[in-house]
């Protein structure tokens, strides 16, 4: 199973994209809102979500989590 083929993957990817955009644009209230959504979705993840993705989220490595959802390689890691 890849990082993007489990229930909730698309919703989490959208929330992470919104978070990254809000951070890049310096929109504080939207950062807080997006972060709350990412945290809510991460808390609801079950064991069907890839362990690497769960690890990135637990470490608040949101760019790596987004890359994993997109199937992109992250530092020292290959997708899959």
C-alpha atoms as a PDB file:
ATOM      1  CA  UNK A   1       0.000   0.000   0.000  1.00  0.00           C
ATOM      2  CA  UNK A   2       1.335   3.392  -0.888  1.00  0.00           C
ATOM      3  CA  UNK A   3       0.898   6.577   1.082  1.00  0.00           C
ATOM      4  CA  UNK A   4      -1.927   7.796  -1.124  1.00  0.00           C
ATOM      5  CA  UNK A   5      -4.207   4.767  -1.477  1.00  0.00           C
ATOM      6  CA  UNK A   6      -5.856   4.486   1.933  1.00  0.00           C
ATOM      7  CA  UNK A   7      -9.111   6.036   3.149  1.00  0.00           C
ATOM      8  CA  UNK A   8      -8.586   9.684   3.994  1.00  0.00           C
ATOM      9  CA  UNK A   9      -5.417  10.192   1.950  1.00  0.00           C
ATOM     10  CA  UNK A  10      -6.930  12.763  -0.418  1.00  0.00           C
ATOM     11  CA  UNK A  11      -8.458  14.763   2.436  1.00  0.00           C
ATOM     12  CA  UNK A  12      -5.151  14.759   4.329  1.00  0.00           C
ATOM     13  CA  UNK A  13      -3.231  15.802   1.215  1.00  0.00           C
ATOM     14  CA  UNK A  14      -5.610  18.738   0.707  1.00  0.00           C
ATOM     15  CA  UNK A  15      -5.259  19.798   4.346  1.00  0.00           C
ATOM     16  CA  UNK A  16      -1.456  19.604   4.164  1.00  0.00           C
ATOM     17  CA  UNK A  17      -1.424  21.644   0.942  1.00  0.00           C
ATOM     18  CA  UNK A  18      -3.612  24.273   2.621  1.00  0.00           C
ATOM     19  CA  UNK A  19      -1.288  24.321   5.638  1.00  0.00           C
ATOM     20  CA  UNK A  20       1.864  24.696   3.542  1.00  0.00           C
ATOM     21  CA  UNK A  21       0.272  27.477   1.469  1.00  0.00           C
ATOM     22  CA  UNK A  22      -0.886  29.347   4.571  1.00  0.00           C
ATOM     23  CA  UNK A  23       2.587  29.095   6.097  1.00  0.00           C
ATOM     24  CA  UNK A  24       4.226  30.298   2.870  1.00  0.00           C
ATOM     25  CA  UNK A  25       1.837  33.254   2.688  1.00  0.00           C
ATOM     26  CA  UNK A  26       2.144  34.125   6.395  1.00  0.00           C
ATOM     27  CA  UNK A  27      -1.592  33.802   7.038  1.00  0.00           C
ATOM     28  CA  UNK A  28      -1.569  33.038  10.764  1.00  0.00           C
ATOM     29  CA  UNK A  29      -5.271  32.363  11.368  1.00  0.00           C
ATOM     30  CA  UNK A  30      -5.411  30.052   8.354  1.00  0.00           C
ATOM     31  CA  UNK A  31      -2.244  28.272   9.553  1.00  0.00           C
ATOM     32  CA  UNK A  32      -3.952  27.562  12.880  1.00  0.00           C
ATOM     33  CA  UNK A  33      -7.108  26.330  11.180  1.00  0.00           C
ATOM     34  CA  UNK A  34      -5.244  24.120   8.696  1.00  0.00           C
ATOM     35  CA  UNK A  35      -3.012  22.730  11.437  1.00  0.00           C
ATOM     36  CA  UNK A  36      -6.062  21.798  13.502  1.00  0.00           C
ATOM     37  CA  UNK A  37      -7.508  19.987  10.468  1.00  0.00           C
ATOM     38  CA  UNK A  38      -4.247  18.118   9.815  1.00  0.00           C
ATOM     39  CA  UNK A  39      -4.075  17.121  13.490  1.00  0.00           C
ATOM     40  CA  UNK A  40      -7.696  15.949  13.418  1.00  0.00           C
ATOM     41  CA  UNK A  41      -7.101  13.839  10.330  1.00  0.00           C
ATOM     42  CA  UNK A  42      -3.818  12.429  11.675  1.00  0.00           C
ATOM     43  CA  UNK A  43      -5.499  11.464  14.956  1.00  0.00           C
ATOM     44  CA  UNK A  44      -8.133   9.562  13.000  1.00  0.00           C
ATOM     45  CA  UNK A  45      -5.661   7.531  10.986  1.00  0.00           C
ATOM     46  CA  UNK A  46      -5.681   3.812  11.508  1.00  0.00           C
ATOM     47  CA  UNK A  47      -3.138   1.099  10.803  1.00  0.00           C
ATOM     48  CA  UNK A  48      -4.094   1.059   7.120  1.00  0.00           C
ATOM     49  CA  UNK A  49      -2.143   4.302   6.673  1.00  0.00           C
ATOM     50  CA  UNK A  50       1.540   3.711   5.923  1.00  0.00           C
ATOM     51  CA  UNK A  51       3.806   3.721   8.976  1.00  0.00           C
ATOM     52  CA  UNK A  52       6.211   6.184   7.351  1.00  0.00           C
ATOM     53  CA  UNK A  53       3.402   8.679   6.809  1.00  0.00           C
ATOM     54  CA  UNK A  54       2.192   8.263  10.400  1.00  0.00           C
ATOM     55  CA  UNK A  55       5.776   8.814  11.565  1.00  0.00           C
ATOM     56  CA  UNK A  56       6.154  12.039   9.556  1.00  0.00           C
ATOM     57  CA  UNK A  57       2.905  13.363  10.973  1.00  0.00           C
ATOM     58  CA  UNK A  58       3.822  12.431  14.543  1.00  0.00           C
ATOM     59  CA  UNK A  59       7.087  14.328  14.106  1.00  0.00           C
ATOM     60  CA  UNK A  60       5.237  17.269  12.525  1.00  0.00           C
ATOM     61  CA  UNK A  61       7.319  16.800   9.371  1.00  0.00           C
ATOM     62  CA  UNK A  62       4.504  18.110   7.219  1.00  0.00           C
ATOM     63  CA  UNK A  63       6.518  18.677   4.037  1.00  0.00           C
ATOM     64  CA  UNK A  64       7.767  15.090   4.186  1.00  0.00           C
ATOM     65  CA  UNK A  65       4.242  13.837   4.844  1.00  0.00           C
ATOM     66  CA  UNK A  66       2.964  15.763   1.827  1.00  0.00           C
ATOM     67  CA  UNK A  67       5.802  14.423  -0.332  1.00  0.00           C
ATOM     68  CA  UNK A  68       4.977  10.881   0.806  1.00  0.00           C
ATOM     69  CA  UNK A  69       1.315  11.366  -0.110  1.00  0.00           C
ATOM     70  CA  UNK A  70       2.380  12.621  -3.524  1.00  0.00           C
ATOM     71  CA  UNK A  71       4.695   9.643  -4.039  1.00  0.00           C
ATOM     72  CA  UNK A  72       7.781  11.840  -4.045  1.00  0.00           C
ATOM     73  CA  UNK A  73      11.081  10.795  -2.509  1.00  0.00           C
ATOM     74  CA  UNK A  74      12.029  12.431   0.781  1.00  0.00           C
ATOM     75  CA  UNK A  75      15.491  12.858   2.272  1.00  0.00           C
ATOM     76  CA  UNK A  76      17.020   9.424   2.499  1.00  0.00           C
ATOM     77  CA  UNK A  77      13.758   7.709   1.565  1.00  0.00           C
ATOM     78  CA  UNK A  78      12.301   6.356  -1.620  1.00  0.00           C
ATOM     79  CA  UNK A  79       8.553   6.126  -2.096  1.00  0.00           C
ATOM     80  CA  UNK A  80       6.936   2.757  -1.722  1.00  0.00           C
END
